[in-house]
Protein backbone atom coordinates (compact mmCIF):
# COMPACT_ATOMS: atom_id res chain seq x y z
CA MET A 1 -8.21 19.62 -38.42
CA SER A 2 -11.32 17.89 -37.11
CA ARG A 3 -13.26 15.69 -39.49
CA PHE A 4 -16.34 17.73 -38.61
CA ALA A 5 -14.89 21.19 -39.24
CA GLY A 6 -16.50 23.38 -41.90
CA ILE A 7 -20.09 24.16 -42.84
CA MET A 8 -22.81 21.57 -42.27
CA PRO A 9 -26.51 22.33 -42.83
CA PRO A 10 -28.99 20.99 -40.26
CA LEU A 11 -31.50 19.79 -42.82
CA VAL A 12 -35.17 20.50 -42.34
CA THR A 13 -37.32 17.46 -43.07
CA PRO A 14 -39.31 17.83 -46.32
CA LEU A 15 -42.91 16.73 -45.80
CA ASP A 16 -46.05 16.52 -47.88
CA GLY A 17 -49.39 18.03 -46.90
CA ALA A 18 -50.32 14.91 -44.94
CA GLY A 19 -47.15 14.97 -42.85
CA ARG A 20 -45.44 12.15 -44.73
CA LEU A 21 -41.79 12.29 -45.72
CA ASP A 22 -41.25 13.86 -49.14
CA GLU A 23 -38.45 11.54 -50.24
CA ALA A 24 -37.97 13.15 -53.64
CA GLY A 25 -37.79 16.55 -51.99
CA LEU A 26 -35.22 15.28 -49.49
CA ARG A 27 -33.06 13.93 -52.31
CA ARG A 28 -33.27 17.27 -54.16
CA PHE A 29 -32.42 19.05 -50.93
CA VAL A 30 -29.34 16.91 -50.31
CA GLU A 31 -28.11 17.57 -53.83
CA HIS A 32 -28.74 21.31 -53.44
CA VAL A 33 -26.51 21.60 -50.37
CA LEU A 34 -23.82 19.28 -51.73
CA GLN A 35 -23.61 21.33 -54.91
CA GLY A 36 -23.04 24.32 -52.64
CA GLY A 37 -19.90 22.67 -51.28
CA VAL A 38 -20.94 21.83 -47.71
CA HIS A 39 -18.59 19.68 -45.66
CA GLY A 40 -21.25 17.42 -44.13
CA VAL A 41 -24.97 17.24 -43.43
CA VAL A 42 -26.92 16.93 -40.20
CA VAL A 43 -30.36 15.33 -39.99
CA LEU A 44 -32.93 15.02 -37.22
CA GLY A 45 -31.78 18.06 -35.31
CA SER A 46 -33.96 20.92 -34.10
CA SER A 47 -34.40 22.26 -37.64
CA GLY A 48 -35.30 18.74 -38.72
CA GLU A 49 -38.27 18.70 -36.32
CA ALA A 50 -36.99 15.46 -34.83
CA ALA A 51 -39.05 15.90 -31.66
CA LEU A 52 -42.25 15.94 -33.75
CA LEU A 53 -41.66 13.13 -36.24
CA THR A 54 -42.78 9.52 -35.91
CA PRO A 55 -40.08 6.87 -35.42
CA GLU A 56 -40.84 5.49 -38.89
CA VAL A 57 -40.32 8.86 -40.57
CA LYS A 58 -37.11 9.46 -38.64
CA ARG A 59 -35.66 6.12 -39.71
CA ARG A 60 -36.53 6.82 -43.32
CA VAL A 61 -34.97 10.31 -43.15
CA VAL A 62 -31.67 8.72 -42.15
CA ASP A 63 -31.83 6.03 -44.82
CA VAL A 64 -32.79 8.38 -47.66
CA THR A 65 -30.18 10.95 -46.67
CA LEU A 66 -27.42 8.36 -46.55
CA GLU A 67 -28.49 6.99 -49.94
CA ALA A 68 -28.56 10.47 -51.47
CA VAL A 69 -25.24 11.56 -49.99
CA ALA A 70 -23.62 8.32 -51.15
CA GLY A 71 -20.48 8.80 -49.09
CA ARG A 72 -19.58 12.22 -50.47
CA VAL A 73 -19.59 13.91 -47.04
CA PRO A 74 -20.16 12.76 -43.45
CA VAL A 75 -23.78 12.40 -42.32
CA VAL A 76 -24.40 13.33 -38.68
CA VAL A 77 -27.64 12.17 -37.07
CA GLY A 78 -29.43 13.74 -34.13
CA THR A 79 -30.04 10.95 -31.64
CA GLY A 80 -30.79 12.89 -28.45
CA GLU A 81 -33.65 11.68 -26.25
CA PRO A 82 -34.84 12.53 -22.73
CA GLY A 83 -33.11 9.52 -21.22
CA THR A 84 -29.82 7.68 -21.62
CA ALA A 85 -31.11 4.23 -22.56
CA LEU A 86 -33.23 5.55 -25.41
CA THR A 87 -30.40 7.78 -26.64
CA VAL A 88 -28.09 4.78 -26.75
CA GLU A 89 -30.71 2.84 -28.73
CA THR A 90 -31.23 5.61 -31.30
CA THR A 91 -27.47 6.11 -31.61
CA ARG A 92 -26.98 2.40 -32.31
CA LEU A 93 -29.66 2.58 -35.00
CA ALA A 94 -27.87 5.53 -36.60
CA ARG A 95 -24.59 3.60 -36.53
CA GLN A 96 -26.21 0.57 -38.14
CA ALA A 97 -27.63 2.78 -40.88
CA GLY A 98 -24.17 4.16 -41.68
CA ALA A 99 -24.01 7.54 -39.93
CA ALA A 100 -20.60 9.10 -39.34
CA ALA A 101 -21.47 10.57 -35.95
CA ALA A 102 -24.31 11.42 -33.59
CA ILE A 103 -25.18 14.88 -32.35
CA VAL A 104 -26.76 14.64 -28.91
CA VAL A 105 -28.54 17.13 -26.68
CA PRO A 106 -28.21 16.62 -22.93
CA PRO A 107 -31.13 14.71 -21.39
CA TYR A 108 -34.11 17.03 -21.35
CA TYR A 109 -37.51 17.31 -19.66
CA TYR A 110 -36.25 16.78 -16.11
CA HIS A 111 -33.89 19.23 -14.47
CA ILE A 112 -30.61 17.35 -13.97
CA ASP A 113 -27.18 18.29 -12.67
CA GLN A 114 -23.87 18.26 -14.54
CA GLU A 115 -22.81 14.93 -13.06
CA ALA A 116 -25.82 13.40 -14.81
CA VAL A 117 -24.82 15.15 -18.03
CA LEU A 118 -21.32 13.65 -17.74
CA ARG A 119 -22.73 10.16 -17.13
CA HIS A 120 -25.10 10.51 -20.05
CA TYR A 121 -22.51 11.45 -22.66
CA ARG A 122 -20.02 8.86 -21.44
CA THR A 123 -22.60 6.09 -21.66
CA VAL A 124 -23.81 7.15 -25.11
CA ARG A 125 -20.25 7.23 -26.42
CA GLU A 126 -19.33 3.88 -24.87
CA GLN A 127 -22.50 2.01 -25.81
CA GLY A 128 -23.82 3.85 -28.86
CA GLY A 129 -20.89 3.05 -31.13
CA LEU A 130 -20.54 6.46 -32.81
CA PRO A 131 -18.43 9.59 -32.31
CA VAL A 132 -20.54 12.12 -30.42
CA LEU A 133 -20.95 15.87 -30.78
CA ALA A 134 -22.70 17.69 -27.96
CA TYR A 135 -25.59 19.97 -28.87
CA HIS A 136 -25.74 22.90 -26.46
CA ILE A 137 -29.13 24.56 -26.81
CA PRO A 138 -30.40 25.28 -23.28
CA GLY A 139 -33.20 27.49 -24.57
CA LEU A 140 -34.94 24.31 -25.76
CA THR A 141 -33.57 21.60 -23.47
CA LYS A 142 -33.51 23.57 -20.18
CA VAL A 143 -30.27 21.68 -19.42
CA PRO A 144 -26.93 23.29 -20.36
CA VAL A 145 -23.68 21.57 -21.15
CA GLN A 146 -21.62 23.82 -18.93
CA THR A 147 -18.17 24.82 -20.15
CA GLU A 148 -16.37 22.82 -17.47
CA THR A 149 -18.43 19.72 -18.31
CA LEU A 150 -17.80 20.08 -22.02
CA LEU A 151 -14.06 20.50 -21.59
CA VAL A 152 -13.78 17.40 -19.40
CA LEU A 153 -15.66 15.36 -22.01
CA ALA A 154 -13.56 16.80 -24.83
CA GLU A 155 -10.25 16.14 -23.11
CA GLU A 156 -11.15 12.53 -22.35
CA GLU A 157 -12.32 12.14 -26.00
CA THR A 158 -15.89 11.30 -25.09
CA LEU A 159 -16.91 14.18 -27.36
CA CYS A 160 -15.47 15.04 -30.77
CA GLY A 161 -17.21 18.37 -31.08
CA VAL A 162 -19.97 20.72 -30.02
CA LYS A 163 -22.68 22.75 -31.69
CA ASP A 164 -23.25 25.86 -29.60
CA SER A 165 -26.73 27.28 -30.14
CA ALA A 166 -27.02 29.17 -26.87
CA GLY A 167 -26.38 32.55 -28.50
CA ASP A 168 -23.73 33.33 -25.87
CA PHE A 169 -20.51 34.20 -27.67
CA GLY A 170 -18.61 34.20 -24.38
CA TYR A 171 -19.43 30.50 -23.95
CA TYR A 172 -18.19 29.77 -27.45
CA GLN A 173 -14.95 31.65 -26.81
CA ARG A 174 -14.31 29.62 -23.67
CA VAL A 175 -14.90 26.41 -25.61
CA VAL A 176 -12.48 27.46 -28.36
CA ASP A 177 -9.86 28.50 -25.80
CA GLY A 178 -10.18 25.19 -23.98
CA THR A 179 -10.04 22.88 -27.00
CA ARG A 180 -7.45 24.34 -29.38
CA THR A 181 -4.86 21.77 -28.35
CA LEU A 182 -7.32 19.00 -29.26
CA ALA A 183 -6.81 18.47 -32.98
CA ASP A 184 -9.85 16.22 -33.42
CA PHE A 185 -12.37 18.44 -31.61
CA ALA A 186 -14.69 20.69 -33.65
CA ALA A 187 -16.02 23.86 -32.00
CA LEU A 188 -19.01 24.70 -34.20
CA GLU A 189 -21.32 27.68 -34.04
CA GLY A 190 -25.04 27.04 -34.17
CA SER A 191 -25.89 30.71 -34.67
CA ASP A 192 -25.14 32.06 -38.13
CA GLN A 193 -24.82 35.63 -36.90
CA PHE A 194 -21.73 34.55 -34.93
CA LEU A 195 -20.03 32.56 -37.71
CA PHE A 196 -17.77 35.40 -38.89
CA ALA A 197 -16.78 36.30 -35.32
CA GLY A 198 -16.33 32.64 -34.38
CA LEU A 199 -13.99 31.98 -37.28
CA ALA A 200 -12.03 35.13 -36.43
CA TYR A 201 -11.66 33.81 -32.88
CA GLY A 202 -10.34 30.47 -34.10
CA GLY A 203 -13.45 28.32 -34.28
CA ASP A 204 -14.05 25.47 -36.70
CA GLY A 205 -17.18 26.47 -38.61
CA ALA A 206 -20.90 26.04 -38.10
CA ILE A 207 -23.90 23.81 -38.28
CA SER A 208 -25.50 26.59 -40.25
CA VAL A 209 -29.23 27.08 -40.76
CA MET A 210 -28.61 29.51 -43.64
CA SER A 211 -26.46 26.95 -45.46
CA GLN A 212 -29.67 25.07 -46.22
CA VAL A 213 -30.84 27.89 -48.47
CA ALA A 214 -27.56 29.53 -49.56
CA PRO A 215 -24.88 26.88 -49.02
CA ALA A 216 -22.32 28.40 -51.39
CA VAL A 217 -22.42 31.73 -49.55
CA MET A 218 -21.79 30.17 -46.13
CA VAL A 219 -19.10 27.84 -47.49
CA GLY A 220 -17.50 30.80 -49.23
CA LEU A 221 -17.47 32.74 -45.96
CA TYR A 222 -15.79 29.81 -44.22
CA ASP A 223 -13.22 29.35 -47.00
CA ALA A 224 -12.36 33.05 -47.07
CA ALA A 225 -11.81 33.08 -43.32
CA ARG A 226 -9.65 29.98 -43.44
CA THR A 227 -7.37 31.62 -46.01
CA GLY A 228 -7.23 34.91 -44.13
CA ASP A 229 -9.24 36.90 -46.69
CA TRP A 230 -11.22 38.77 -44.07
CA ALA A 231 -12.50 41.46 -46.44
CA ARG A 232 -14.18 38.78 -48.57
CA ALA A 233 -15.42 36.97 -45.47
CA LYS A 234 -17.02 40.18 -44.22
CA ASP A 235 -18.63 40.80 -47.60
CA LEU A 236 -20.12 37.29 -47.57
CA HIS A 237 -21.30 37.78 -43.99
CA ARG A 238 -23.19 40.86 -45.12
CA ARG A 239 -24.57 38.95 -48.10
CA TYR A 240 -25.86 36.22 -45.78
CA GLN A 241 -27.58 38.92 -43.69
CA ARG A 242 -29.39 40.24 -46.76
CA ILE A 243 -30.55 36.74 -47.74
CA ALA A 244 -31.76 36.16 -44.19
CA THR A 245 -33.76 39.38 -44.40
CA ALA A 246 -35.33 38.16 -47.64
CA ILE A 247 -36.30 34.89 -46.00
CA GLY A 248 -37.77 36.68 -43.00
CA PRO A 249 -38.53 35.46 -39.48
CA GLY A 250 -40.06 32.14 -38.55
CA TRP A 251 -37.21 29.57 -38.43
CA ILE A 252 -38.51 26.22 -39.72
CA PRO A 253 -41.62 27.49 -41.57
CA ALA A 254 -39.51 30.30 -43.06
CA ILE A 255 -36.73 27.96 -44.21
CA LYS A 256 -39.25 25.56 -45.71
CA GLY A 257 -40.97 28.47 -47.42
CA ALA A 258 -37.64 29.52 -48.92
CA LEU A 259 -36.92 25.98 -50.11
CA SER A 260 -40.38 25.92 -51.66
CA ALA A 261 -39.56 29.15 -53.50
CA LEU A 262 -36.40 27.49 -54.80
CA GLY A 263 -38.37 24.47 -56.05
CA ILE A 264 -36.77 22.00 -53.66
CA CYS A 265 -39.67 20.91 -51.43
CA GLY A 266 -43.02 22.10 -50.13
CA PRO A 267 -43.59 24.51 -47.22
CA TYR A 268 -45.24 21.91 -44.98
CA VAL A 269 -44.22 21.51 -41.33
CA SER A 270 -45.01 19.03 -38.55
CA ALA A 271 -48.07 19.52 -36.38
CA PRO A 272 -48.78 21.38 -34.23
CA SER A 273 -46.75 23.96 -36.16
CA ALA A 274 -48.18 25.51 -39.32
CA PRO A 275 -46.58 26.65 -42.59
CA LEU A 276 -46.28 30.31 -43.44
CA PRO A 277 -49.58 31.78 -44.67
CA GLN A 278 -49.90 32.17 -48.40
CA GLU A 279 -49.39 35.93 -48.36
CA ARG A 280 -46.11 35.48 -46.51
CA LEU A 281 -45.00 32.80 -48.95
CA THR A 282 -45.76 35.08 -51.88
CA THR A 283 -43.83 37.99 -50.40
CA GLN A 284 -40.95 35.73 -49.46
CA ARG A 285 -40.79 34.28 -52.98
CA GLN A 286 -40.66 37.77 -54.48
CA ARG A 287 -37.85 38.80 -52.16
CA LEU A 288 -35.84 35.66 -52.89
CA GLU A 289 -36.31 36.04 -56.63
CA ALA A 290 -34.95 39.58 -56.32
CA ALA A 291 -31.98 38.31 -54.29
CA LEU A 292 -31.25 35.64 -56.89
CA ALA A 293 -31.48 38.18 -59.71
CA GLU A 294 -29.04 40.43 -57.85
CA GLY A 295 -26.57 37.57 -57.57
CA LEU A 296 -26.57 37.36 -53.79
CA PHE A 297 -26.56 33.54 -53.89
CA THR A 298 -23.40 33.40 -56.03
CA PRO A 299 -20.31 34.04 -53.90
C-alpha cells in the first residue's frame, strides 16, 4: 500500500483579521484532524489559499504544521508554481523544512502542451528532492495532467500519486486501472462526493476537504470500505452529505466558518476573498450545533 493512501485533509490556513497567520489556530487545527485519525496532512494547496499568501506566511505555515504534527503522520506541502525553476526552489525549501512529499499542479498561467508537463514533473522530481504527487485540477490551472501523461510519469516513478480534483470520475477510473500494479502509487480523490465510489472502484482514499471539519467521519468511511463493510461505508457517506449541507456552499469561507463554529480558528480569508457574512455564520453555527447534538460527527 502506498505511503500516501488514506484520508488527508488539505488544511485551510487560519488567519487573523489582519491577514496574519493564526499560529495557535493552526496548531489547534492540526490536533483536531489528528485526533480524527487522518493518515497525513496537506498544506498550501488550493484550500490553503497558497496562491494568495505571502512567501513569509507560507514558510511559517510549513514550519508550524511540521512542529505541531511532530512526526505522527506525513506532511505534504503544495509547491506548485507557474514555472519549473520556481517550483523546484519551493520544493527544495519544503524538503529542507522536513516535508514528506510535495503536491504539485502542472505549470499554470500559460497554455502548455503535455510534453512540457512531462518535462516539468521530471525536473521537479529530479531537482526538488522530494517524492511528488500530481495535482490535477484543470478548472483552476487551465492545464490538465492527461491520463496518458500521468501514467507515463507513474510508471517511471517520477510521481508517487495524484490528487484528482477535476470532478470527472471517468478520469479517476482510468488512473486507477492504469496504476494498480504500482504498489507505491496513490490514486486519491479530490472530490468528497466521489470518495465512496472511488474506494469501491479500488482507489486509495482522498485528499478530503470535509476531513478538515469531520475527520473521524471520513476516516471511518475509508476504514469501512477497506474492510469491505459497504453498508457502514454508505451510511458514513450519507452522514458526510448531511454535514456538508449544514456547512453550506462557499468552499474556503464556508470551511473556515465551520472551523470557527467549532472553536478552532477564525473565519478570516485572504484578500480579495471575504469571509461569510455574519448572518451566514450564525445560521451555519446553528446547523452545525444541531449536527453535533445529533451525533453526526461521531462515526
